[in-house]
N, C-alpha and C. Protein backbone atom coordinates (compact mmCIF):
# COMPACT_ATOMS: atom_id res chain seq x y z
N MET A 1 -62.77 18.91 -3.23
CA MET A 1 -62.18 17.62 -3.49
C MET A 1 -62.74 17.08 -4.79
N THR A 2 -61.85 16.68 -5.68
CA THR A 2 -62.28 16.08 -6.94
C THR A 2 -62.58 14.60 -6.72
N TYR A 3 -63.22 13.99 -7.70
CA TYR A 3 -63.48 12.56 -7.58
C TYR A 3 -62.17 11.77 -7.62
N LEU A 4 -61.19 12.26 -8.36
CA LEU A 4 -59.87 11.64 -8.35
C LEU A 4 -59.29 11.64 -6.94
N ASP A 5 -59.40 12.77 -6.24
CA ASP A 5 -58.91 12.85 -4.86
C ASP A 5 -59.63 11.84 -3.97
N PHE A 6 -60.96 11.74 -4.14
CA PHE A 6 -61.75 10.77 -3.37
C PHE A 6 -61.26 9.35 -3.66
N LEU A 7 -61.08 9.02 -4.92
CA LEU A 7 -60.63 7.68 -5.27
C LEU A 7 -59.26 7.39 -4.69
N ARG A 8 -58.36 8.35 -4.79
CA ARG A 8 -56.98 8.19 -4.33
C ARG A 8 -56.89 8.02 -2.82
N ALA A 9 -57.83 8.64 -2.09
CA ALA A 9 -57.78 8.63 -0.63
C ALA A 9 -58.31 7.34 -0.01
N GLY A 10 -59.15 6.61 -0.73
CA GLY A 10 -59.80 5.45 -0.14
C GLY A 10 -61.00 5.89 0.69
N SER A 11 -61.81 4.95 1.07
CA SER A 11 -63.02 5.27 1.85
C SER A 11 -63.51 3.99 2.51
N PRO A 12 -64.57 4.07 3.29
CA PRO A 12 -65.14 2.85 3.85
C PRO A 12 -65.68 1.90 2.77
N LEU A 13 -65.82 2.40 1.54
CA LEU A 13 -66.35 1.60 0.44
C LEU A 13 -65.29 1.02 -0.48
N HIS A 14 -64.07 1.57 -0.45
CA HIS A 14 -63.02 1.08 -1.34
C HIS A 14 -61.63 1.25 -0.74
N ARG A 15 -60.75 0.32 -1.11
CA ARG A 15 -59.35 0.41 -0.70
C ARG A 15 -58.51 0.76 -1.92
N VAL A 16 -57.35 1.33 -1.66
CA VAL A 16 -56.47 1.81 -2.73
C VAL A 16 -55.14 1.06 -2.67
N THR A 17 -54.66 0.65 -3.83
CA THR A 17 -53.35 0.03 -3.93
C THR A 17 -52.55 0.81 -4.97
N PRO A 18 -51.44 1.47 -4.56
CA PRO A 18 -50.62 2.20 -5.53
C PRO A 18 -50.00 1.25 -6.55
N CYS A 19 -49.91 1.73 -7.78
CA CYS A 19 -49.26 1.00 -8.87
C CYS A 19 -48.20 1.93 -9.47
N GLU A 20 -47.45 1.44 -10.42
CA GLU A 20 -46.36 2.23 -11.00
C GLU A 20 -46.86 3.54 -11.63
N THR A 21 -47.94 3.49 -12.38
CA THR A 21 -48.40 4.69 -13.09
C THR A 21 -49.68 5.29 -12.51
N GLY A 22 -50.20 4.70 -11.46
CA GLY A 22 -51.45 5.19 -10.88
C GLY A 22 -51.80 4.38 -9.65
N PHE A 23 -53.03 3.88 -9.62
CA PHE A 23 -53.46 3.09 -8.48
C PHE A 23 -54.68 2.27 -8.87
N SER A 24 -54.98 1.28 -8.06
CA SER A 24 -56.19 0.50 -8.29
C SER A 24 -57.11 0.67 -7.09
N ILE A 25 -58.40 0.56 -7.34
CA ILE A 25 -59.38 0.57 -6.26
C ILE A 25 -60.09 -0.78 -6.29
N ALA A 26 -60.48 -1.23 -5.10
CA ALA A 26 -61.13 -2.53 -4.96
C ALA A 26 -62.02 -2.50 -3.72
N PRO A 27 -62.86 -3.49 -3.56
CA PRO A 27 -63.70 -3.55 -2.35
C PRO A 27 -62.83 -3.65 -1.09
N VAL A 28 -63.37 -3.19 0.04
CA VAL A 28 -62.63 -3.26 1.30
C VAL A 28 -62.63 -4.66 1.89
N GLY A 29 -63.51 -5.51 1.41
CA GLY A 29 -63.57 -6.88 1.91
C GLY A 29 -64.11 -7.82 0.86
N GLU A 30 -64.11 -9.09 1.18
CA GLU A 30 -64.57 -10.11 0.25
C GLU A 30 -66.04 -10.47 0.43
N ASP A 31 -66.67 -9.98 1.49
CA ASP A 31 -68.06 -10.34 1.74
C ASP A 31 -68.99 -9.67 0.74
N PRO A 32 -70.18 -10.22 0.55
CA PRO A 32 -71.11 -9.67 -0.44
C PRO A 32 -71.47 -8.20 -0.21
N ALA A 33 -71.60 -7.77 1.03
CA ALA A 33 -71.95 -6.37 1.32
C ALA A 33 -70.84 -5.42 0.86
N ALA A 34 -69.58 -5.79 1.12
CA ALA A 34 -68.46 -4.94 0.70
C ALA A 34 -68.37 -4.88 -0.82
N ARG A 35 -68.57 -6.01 -1.47
CA ARG A 35 -68.52 -6.04 -2.94
C ARG A 35 -69.65 -5.21 -3.54
N GLU A 36 -70.83 -5.31 -2.96
CA GLU A 36 -71.98 -4.53 -3.46
C GLU A 36 -71.76 -3.04 -3.26
N ALA A 37 -71.24 -2.64 -2.10
CA ALA A 37 -70.98 -1.22 -1.84
C ALA A 37 -69.94 -0.67 -2.81
N PHE A 38 -68.95 -1.48 -3.15
CA PHE A 38 -67.90 -1.05 -4.08
C PHE A 38 -68.43 -0.79 -5.48
N GLN A 39 -69.46 -1.48 -5.88
CA GLN A 39 -70.00 -1.34 -7.24
C GLN A 39 -70.35 0.12 -7.55
N ALA A 40 -70.95 0.81 -6.59
CA ALA A 40 -71.33 2.21 -6.82
C ALA A 40 -70.10 3.08 -7.06
N VAL A 41 -69.05 2.88 -6.27
CA VAL A 41 -67.81 3.65 -6.43
C VAL A 41 -67.19 3.36 -7.80
N ALA A 42 -67.14 2.09 -8.15
CA ALA A 42 -66.53 1.69 -9.43
C ALA A 42 -67.32 2.24 -10.62
N GLU A 43 -68.64 2.15 -10.56
CA GLU A 43 -69.47 2.65 -11.66
C GLU A 43 -69.27 4.14 -11.87
N VAL A 44 -69.23 4.91 -10.78
CA VAL A 44 -69.02 6.36 -10.91
C VAL A 44 -67.61 6.64 -11.41
N ALA A 45 -66.62 5.87 -10.95
CA ALA A 45 -65.24 6.06 -11.44
C ALA A 45 -65.17 5.88 -12.94
N VAL A 46 -65.83 4.87 -13.45
CA VAL A 46 -65.83 4.62 -14.90
C VAL A 46 -66.60 5.72 -15.63
N GLU A 47 -67.73 6.14 -15.09
CA GLU A 47 -68.54 7.20 -15.72
C GLU A 47 -67.80 8.54 -15.77
N ARG A 48 -67.00 8.83 -14.75
CA ARG A 48 -66.31 10.13 -14.68
C ARG A 48 -64.92 10.12 -15.31
N GLU A 49 -64.59 9.04 -15.99
CA GLU A 49 -63.29 8.99 -16.66
C GLU A 49 -63.12 10.22 -17.54
N GLY A 50 -61.93 10.80 -17.52
CA GLY A 50 -61.65 12.01 -18.28
C GLY A 50 -61.65 13.24 -17.40
N GLN A 51 -62.13 13.12 -16.17
CA GLN A 51 -62.17 14.24 -15.24
C GLN A 51 -60.95 14.19 -14.33
N GLY A 52 -59.77 14.28 -14.96
CA GLY A 52 -58.51 14.26 -14.22
C GLY A 52 -57.84 12.91 -14.21
N TYR A 53 -58.49 11.91 -14.75
CA TYR A 53 -57.90 10.57 -14.77
C TYR A 53 -58.49 9.77 -15.92
N ARG A 54 -57.81 8.65 -16.21
CA ARG A 54 -58.37 7.69 -17.16
C ARG A 54 -58.43 6.33 -16.50
N VAL A 55 -59.35 5.53 -16.93
CA VAL A 55 -59.45 4.16 -16.45
C VAL A 55 -58.62 3.30 -17.39
N ALA A 56 -57.52 2.78 -16.87
CA ALA A 56 -56.60 2.00 -17.69
C ALA A 56 -57.09 0.57 -17.89
N ASP A 57 -57.81 0.05 -16.91
CA ASP A 57 -58.29 -1.34 -17.01
C ASP A 57 -59.32 -1.56 -15.91
N VAL A 58 -60.13 -2.57 -16.10
CA VAL A 58 -61.07 -3.01 -15.07
C VAL A 58 -61.00 -4.52 -14.97
N SER A 59 -61.25 -5.01 -13.79
CA SER A 59 -61.33 -6.45 -13.56
C SER A 59 -62.77 -6.75 -13.16
N MET A 60 -63.39 -7.66 -13.91
CA MET A 60 -64.79 -8.00 -13.67
C MET A 60 -64.89 -9.42 -13.12
N SER A 61 -65.86 -9.63 -12.25
CA SER A 61 -66.12 -10.96 -11.71
C SER A 61 -66.80 -11.83 -12.76
N GLU A 62 -66.28 -13.02 -12.97
CA GLU A 62 -66.90 -13.95 -13.91
C GLU A 62 -68.21 -14.49 -13.35
N VAL A 63 -68.35 -14.49 -12.04
CA VAL A 63 -69.55 -15.03 -11.39
C VAL A 63 -70.68 -14.01 -11.38
N SER A 64 -70.40 -12.82 -10.82
CA SER A 64 -71.46 -11.82 -10.65
C SER A 64 -71.54 -10.81 -11.79
N GLY A 65 -70.44 -10.67 -12.54
CA GLY A 65 -70.39 -9.65 -13.58
C GLY A 65 -70.09 -8.27 -13.04
N GLY A 66 -69.88 -8.15 -11.72
CA GLY A 66 -69.58 -6.86 -11.10
C GLY A 66 -68.09 -6.54 -11.14
N TYR A 67 -67.78 -5.29 -10.80
CA TYR A 67 -66.39 -4.85 -10.77
C TYR A 67 -65.66 -5.49 -9.59
N GLU A 68 -64.45 -5.97 -9.84
CA GLU A 68 -63.57 -6.45 -8.77
C GLU A 68 -62.47 -5.45 -8.49
N ALA A 69 -62.04 -4.72 -9.51
CA ALA A 69 -61.00 -3.70 -9.36
C ALA A 69 -61.06 -2.76 -10.55
N VAL A 70 -60.66 -1.51 -10.32
CA VAL A 70 -60.57 -0.50 -11.37
C VAL A 70 -59.17 0.12 -11.27
N PHE A 71 -58.45 0.14 -12.38
CA PHE A 71 -57.10 0.70 -12.41
C PHE A 71 -57.16 2.12 -12.98
N VAL A 72 -56.71 3.09 -12.18
CA VAL A 72 -56.85 4.51 -12.47
C VAL A 72 -55.47 5.13 -12.70
N VAL A 73 -55.37 5.96 -13.74
CA VAL A 73 -54.14 6.67 -14.03
C VAL A 73 -54.45 8.16 -14.12
N PRO A 74 -53.85 8.99 -13.24
CA PRO A 74 -54.05 10.43 -13.33
C PRO A 74 -53.59 10.95 -14.70
N LEU A 75 -54.27 11.98 -15.21
CA LEU A 75 -53.94 12.50 -16.54
C LEU A 75 -52.71 13.39 -16.55
N LYS A 76 -52.40 14.04 -15.44
CA LYS A 76 -51.22 14.92 -15.45
C LYS A 76 -50.43 14.78 -14.15
N GLY A 77 -49.13 14.89 -14.29
CA GLY A 77 -48.24 14.85 -13.15
C GLY A 77 -48.10 13.45 -12.58
N PRO A 78 -47.04 13.26 -11.82
CA PRO A 78 -46.82 11.95 -11.19
C PRO A 78 -47.79 11.74 -10.04
N LEU A 79 -48.02 10.48 -9.72
CA LEU A 79 -48.89 10.13 -8.61
C LEU A 79 -48.21 10.52 -7.32
N GLN A 80 -48.92 11.24 -6.47
CA GLN A 80 -48.39 11.62 -5.16
C GLN A 80 -49.18 10.88 -4.10
N THR A 81 -48.47 10.13 -3.28
CA THR A 81 -49.13 9.37 -2.23
C THR A 81 -48.73 9.86 -0.87
């Protein structure tokens, strides 16, 4: 399983929302624990950009400075859900 596959599938740490050209990942909840757990997934997603996907955009919290959402676009082929 590639990291793109992991991101696309969702996990207890992140939820996935399909978009026209890819998908976004975000915390599974609004509570501080869910947001903190999501930070690790988001940081690795940004670090691994280029490994089958690109990060098209990120949404950052103005309060905490942490990731609120990461928009991912696969590098080849249409998104299959």
